[in-house]
């Protein structure tokens, strides 16, 4: 096994190691969860602003209808 194959994880034997495939996917999984948390927080903040008053939504630059549509989406939807 050449050192270059080990260093860039192209050798097939590395796929047999426990967690090798999972470890290669962890950055993507983390970024998906981070995006979901960001959407959840943004949408809950929109709901809070809508409860405070429509003038708060206008300050953000949205209409109340657009804010309600965005706030009612589940966190996994764009």
N, C-alpha and C. Protein backbone atom coordinates (compact mmCIF):
# COMPACT_ATOMS: atom_id res chain seq x y z
N UNK A 1 0.85 -1.17 0.00
CA UNK A 1 0.00 0.00 0.00
C UNK A 1 0.90 1.23 0.00
N UNK A 2 0.70 2.09 -0.94
CA UNK A 2 1.51 3.30 -1.05
C UNK A 2 1.04 4.34 -0.05
N UNK A 3 1.96 5.16 0.39
CA UNK A 3 1.63 6.20 1.36
C UNK A 3 0.61 7.18 0.77
N UNK A 4 0.72 7.48 -0.50
CA UNK A 4 -0.24 8.41 -1.11
C UNK A 4 -1.66 7.85 -1.06
N UNK A 5 -1.81 6.54 -1.16
CA UNK A 5 -3.14 5.94 -1.09
C UNK A 5 -3.72 6.06 0.31
N UNK A 6 -2.87 5.96 1.31
CA UNK A 6 -3.35 6.09 2.69
C UNK A 6 -3.70 7.53 2.99
N UNK A 7 -2.85 8.45 2.56
CA UNK A 7 -3.05 9.84 2.93
C UNK A 7 -4.30 10.45 2.30
N UNK A 8 -4.67 10.02 1.12
CA UNK A 8 -5.87 10.60 0.52
C UNK A 8 -7.07 9.66 0.57
N UNK A 9 -6.96 8.59 1.33
CA UNK A 9 -8.06 7.66 1.60
C UNK A 9 -8.68 7.05 0.34
N UNK A 10 -7.85 6.69 -0.63
CA UNK A 10 -8.39 6.08 -1.84
C UNK A 10 -8.25 4.57 -1.83
N UNK A 11 -7.48 4.04 -0.92
CA UNK A 11 -7.26 2.60 -0.91
C UNK A 11 -8.52 1.88 -0.42
N UNK A 12 -8.92 0.80 -1.09
CA UNK A 12 -10.14 0.08 -0.73
C UNK A 12 -10.13 -0.48 0.69
N UNK A 13 -8.96 -0.80 1.20
CA UNK A 13 -8.90 -1.36 2.56
C UNK A 13 -9.39 -0.36 3.60
N UNK A 14 -9.27 0.91 3.31
CA UNK A 14 -9.71 1.92 4.27
C UNK A 14 -11.22 1.94 4.40
N UNK A 15 -11.94 1.51 3.39
CA UNK A 15 -13.40 1.46 3.47
C UNK A 15 -13.88 0.34 4.39
N UNK A 16 -13.00 -0.61 4.69
CA UNK A 16 -13.38 -1.72 5.57
C UNK A 16 -13.23 -1.36 7.04
N UNK A 17 -12.51 -0.29 7.33
CA UNK A 17 -12.33 0.11 8.71
C UNK A 17 -13.66 0.58 9.29
N UNK A 18 -13.96 0.20 10.54
CA UNK A 18 -15.22 0.65 11.14
C UNK A 18 -15.26 2.18 11.22
N UNK A 19 -16.32 2.76 10.78
CA UNK A 19 -16.49 4.19 10.86
C UNK A 19 -15.82 4.99 9.77
N UNK A 20 -15.11 4.36 8.87
CA UNK A 20 -14.40 5.10 7.82
C UNK A 20 -15.38 5.83 6.92
N UNK A 21 -16.44 5.15 6.55
CA UNK A 21 -17.42 5.78 5.66
C UNK A 21 -18.22 6.85 6.42
N UNK A 22 -18.54 6.56 7.65
CA UNK A 22 -19.27 7.53 8.46
C UNK A 22 -18.41 8.77 8.71
N UNK A 23 -17.15 8.56 9.00
CA UNK A 23 -16.26 9.69 9.26
C UNK A 23 -16.13 10.59 8.05
N UNK A 24 -16.20 10.02 6.86
CA UNK A 24 -16.09 10.85 5.67
C UNK A 24 -17.36 11.67 5.44
N UNK A 25 -18.47 11.25 6.03
CA UNK A 25 -19.74 11.96 5.86
C UNK A 25 -20.03 12.94 6.99
N UNK A 26 -19.28 12.90 8.06
CA UNK A 26 -19.58 13.74 9.21
C UNK A 26 -19.59 15.23 8.91
N UNK A 27 -18.65 15.76 8.13
CA UNK A 27 -18.74 17.20 7.84
C UNK A 27 -20.05 17.59 7.16
N UNK A 28 -20.52 16.78 6.24
CA UNK A 28 -21.79 17.07 5.56
C UNK A 28 -22.96 16.98 6.53
N UNK A 29 -22.96 15.97 7.38
CA UNK A 29 -24.03 15.81 8.37
C UNK A 29 -24.05 17.00 9.31
N UNK A 30 -22.88 17.42 9.76
CA UNK A 30 -22.80 18.59 10.64
C UNK A 30 -23.33 19.84 9.97
N UNK A 31 -23.01 20.02 8.70
CA UNK A 31 -23.48 21.23 8.02
C UNK A 31 -25.00 21.20 7.82
N UNK A 32 -25.56 20.02 7.59
CA UNK A 32 -27.02 19.91 7.45
C UNK A 32 -27.69 20.25 8.77
N UNK A 33 -27.19 19.71 9.88
CA UNK A 33 -27.76 20.03 11.19
C UNK A 33 -27.61 21.51 11.52
N UNK A 34 -26.47 22.08 11.19
CA UNK A 34 -26.26 23.51 11.45
C UNK A 34 -27.26 24.36 10.67
N UNK A 35 -27.52 23.98 9.43
CA UNK A 35 -28.50 24.70 8.62
C UNK A 35 -29.90 24.55 9.20
N UNK A 36 -30.25 23.37 9.66
CA UNK A 36 -31.57 23.15 10.27
C UNK A 36 -31.73 23.99 11.53
N UNK A 37 -30.71 24.04 12.36
CA UNK A 37 -30.78 24.86 13.58
C UNK A 37 -30.91 26.34 13.23
N UNK A 38 -30.20 26.79 12.19
CA UNK A 38 -30.29 28.19 11.77
C UNK A 38 -31.70 28.52 11.29
N UNK A 39 -32.28 27.63 10.49
CA UNK A 39 -33.65 27.85 10.00
C UNK A 39 -34.65 27.86 11.15
N UNK A 40 -34.49 26.92 12.09
CA UNK A 40 -35.40 26.85 13.22
C UNK A 40 -35.35 28.14 14.03
N UNK A 41 -34.16 28.62 14.30
CA UNK A 41 -34.00 29.85 15.09
C UNK A 41 -34.56 31.06 14.34
N UNK A 42 -34.28 31.14 13.05
CA UNK A 42 -34.79 32.26 12.24
C UNK A 42 -36.31 32.27 12.23
N UNK A 43 -36.90 31.11 12.04
CA UNK A 43 -38.36 31.04 11.94
C UNK A 43 -39.03 31.28 13.28
N UNK A 44 -38.41 30.84 14.36
CA UNK A 44 -38.98 31.14 15.67
C UNK A 44 -38.86 32.64 15.98
N UNK A 45 -37.79 33.26 15.53
CA UNK A 45 -37.65 34.70 15.71
C UNK A 45 -38.69 35.46 14.89
N UNK A 46 -38.97 34.99 13.69
CA UNK A 46 -40.04 35.61 12.89
C UNK A 46 -41.38 35.51 13.61
N UNK A 47 -41.66 34.35 14.19
CA UNK A 47 -42.92 34.19 14.93
C UNK A 47 -42.99 35.16 16.10
N UNK A 48 -41.87 35.33 16.78
CA UNK A 48 -41.84 36.26 17.91
C UNK A 48 -42.10 37.68 17.44
N UNK A 49 -41.46 38.07 16.34
CA UNK A 49 -41.66 39.41 15.81
C UNK A 49 -43.10 39.63 15.35
N UNK A 50 -43.71 38.60 14.80
CA UNK A 50 -45.11 38.71 14.39
C UNK A 50 -46.03 38.90 15.59
N UNK A 51 -45.70 38.29 16.71
CA UNK A 51 -46.50 38.47 17.93
C UNK A 51 -46.32 39.88 18.49
N UNK A 52 -45.12 40.43 18.38
CA UNK A 52 -44.85 41.77 18.91
C UNK A 52 -45.63 42.81 18.12
N UNK A 53 -45.54 42.71 16.81
CA UNK A 53 -46.30 43.65 15.99
C UNK A 53 -45.82 43.67 14.56
N UNK A 54 -46.71 44.04 13.66
CA UNK A 54 -46.35 44.05 12.24
C UNK A 54 -45.26 45.06 11.91
N UNK A 55 -45.14 46.11 12.70
CA UNK A 55 -44.09 47.10 12.42
C UNK A 55 -42.70 46.49 12.56
N UNK A 56 -42.56 45.46 13.40
CA UNK A 56 -41.27 44.79 13.56
C UNK A 56 -40.90 44.04 12.28
N UNK A 57 -41.88 43.44 11.64
CA UNK A 57 -41.63 42.72 10.39
C UNK A 57 -41.28 43.70 9.28
N UNK A 58 -41.94 44.84 9.26
CA UNK A 58 -41.62 45.85 8.25
C UNK A 58 -40.19 46.34 8.41
N UNK A 59 -39.70 46.41 9.65
CA UNK A 59 -38.32 46.82 9.89
C UNK A 59 -37.32 45.83 9.30
N UNK A 60 -37.70 44.57 9.25
CA UNK A 60 -36.84 43.53 8.68
C UNK A 60 -36.87 43.58 7.16
N UNK A 61 -37.93 44.16 6.61
CA UNK A 61 -38.04 44.27 5.17
C UNK A 61 -38.92 43.21 4.55
N UNK A 62 -39.80 42.61 5.35
CA UNK A 62 -40.72 41.59 4.85
C UNK A 62 -42.15 42.09 5.01
N UNK A 63 -43.05 41.47 4.26
CA UNK A 63 -44.47 41.69 4.51
C UNK A 63 -44.90 40.68 5.55
N UNK A 64 -46.02 40.96 6.20
CA UNK A 64 -46.53 40.02 7.20
C UNK A 64 -46.87 38.66 6.57
N UNK A 65 -47.41 38.70 5.38
CA UNK A 65 -47.77 37.45 4.70
C UNK A 65 -46.53 36.61 4.40
N UNK A 66 -45.48 37.25 3.91
CA UNK A 66 -44.24 36.53 3.62
C UNK A 66 -43.62 36.00 4.91
N UNK A 67 -43.70 36.77 5.97
CA UNK A 67 -43.15 36.33 7.25
C UNK A 67 -43.91 35.12 7.78
N UNK A 68 -45.24 35.14 7.68
CA UNK A 68 -46.03 33.99 8.13
C UNK A 68 -45.74 32.74 7.30
N UNK A 69 -45.62 32.93 5.97
CA UNK A 69 -45.30 31.77 5.12
C UNK A 69 -43.96 31.16 5.52
N UNK A 70 -42.97 32.01 5.75
CA UNK A 70 -41.65 31.51 6.13
C UNK A 70 -41.67 30.90 7.53
N UNK A 71 -42.36 31.51 8.45
CA UNK A 71 -42.39 31.04 9.84
C UNK A 71 -43.11 29.70 9.98
N UNK A 72 -44.05 29.44 9.11
CA UNK A 72 -44.82 28.19 9.20
C UNK A 72 -44.16 27.00 8.53
N UNK A 73 -43.08 27.22 7.81
CA UNK A 73 -42.38 26.10 7.16
C UNK A 73 -41.69 25.24 8.20
N UNK A 74 -41.64 23.93 7.97
CA UNK A 74 -40.82 23.08 8.84
C UNK A 74 -39.34 23.39 8.65
N UNK A 75 -38.54 23.07 9.64
CA UNK A 75 -37.12 23.44 9.60
C UNK A 75 -36.37 22.78 8.45
N UNK A 76 -36.84 21.66 7.95
CA UNK A 76 -36.09 20.96 6.90
C UNK A 76 -36.40 21.51 5.51
N UNK A 77 -37.40 22.35 5.38
CA UNK A 77 -37.73 22.93 4.07
C UNK A 77 -36.96 24.23 3.86
N UNK A 78 -36.61 24.45 2.62
CA UNK A 78 -35.91 25.71 2.28
C UNK A 78 -36.88 26.81 2.11
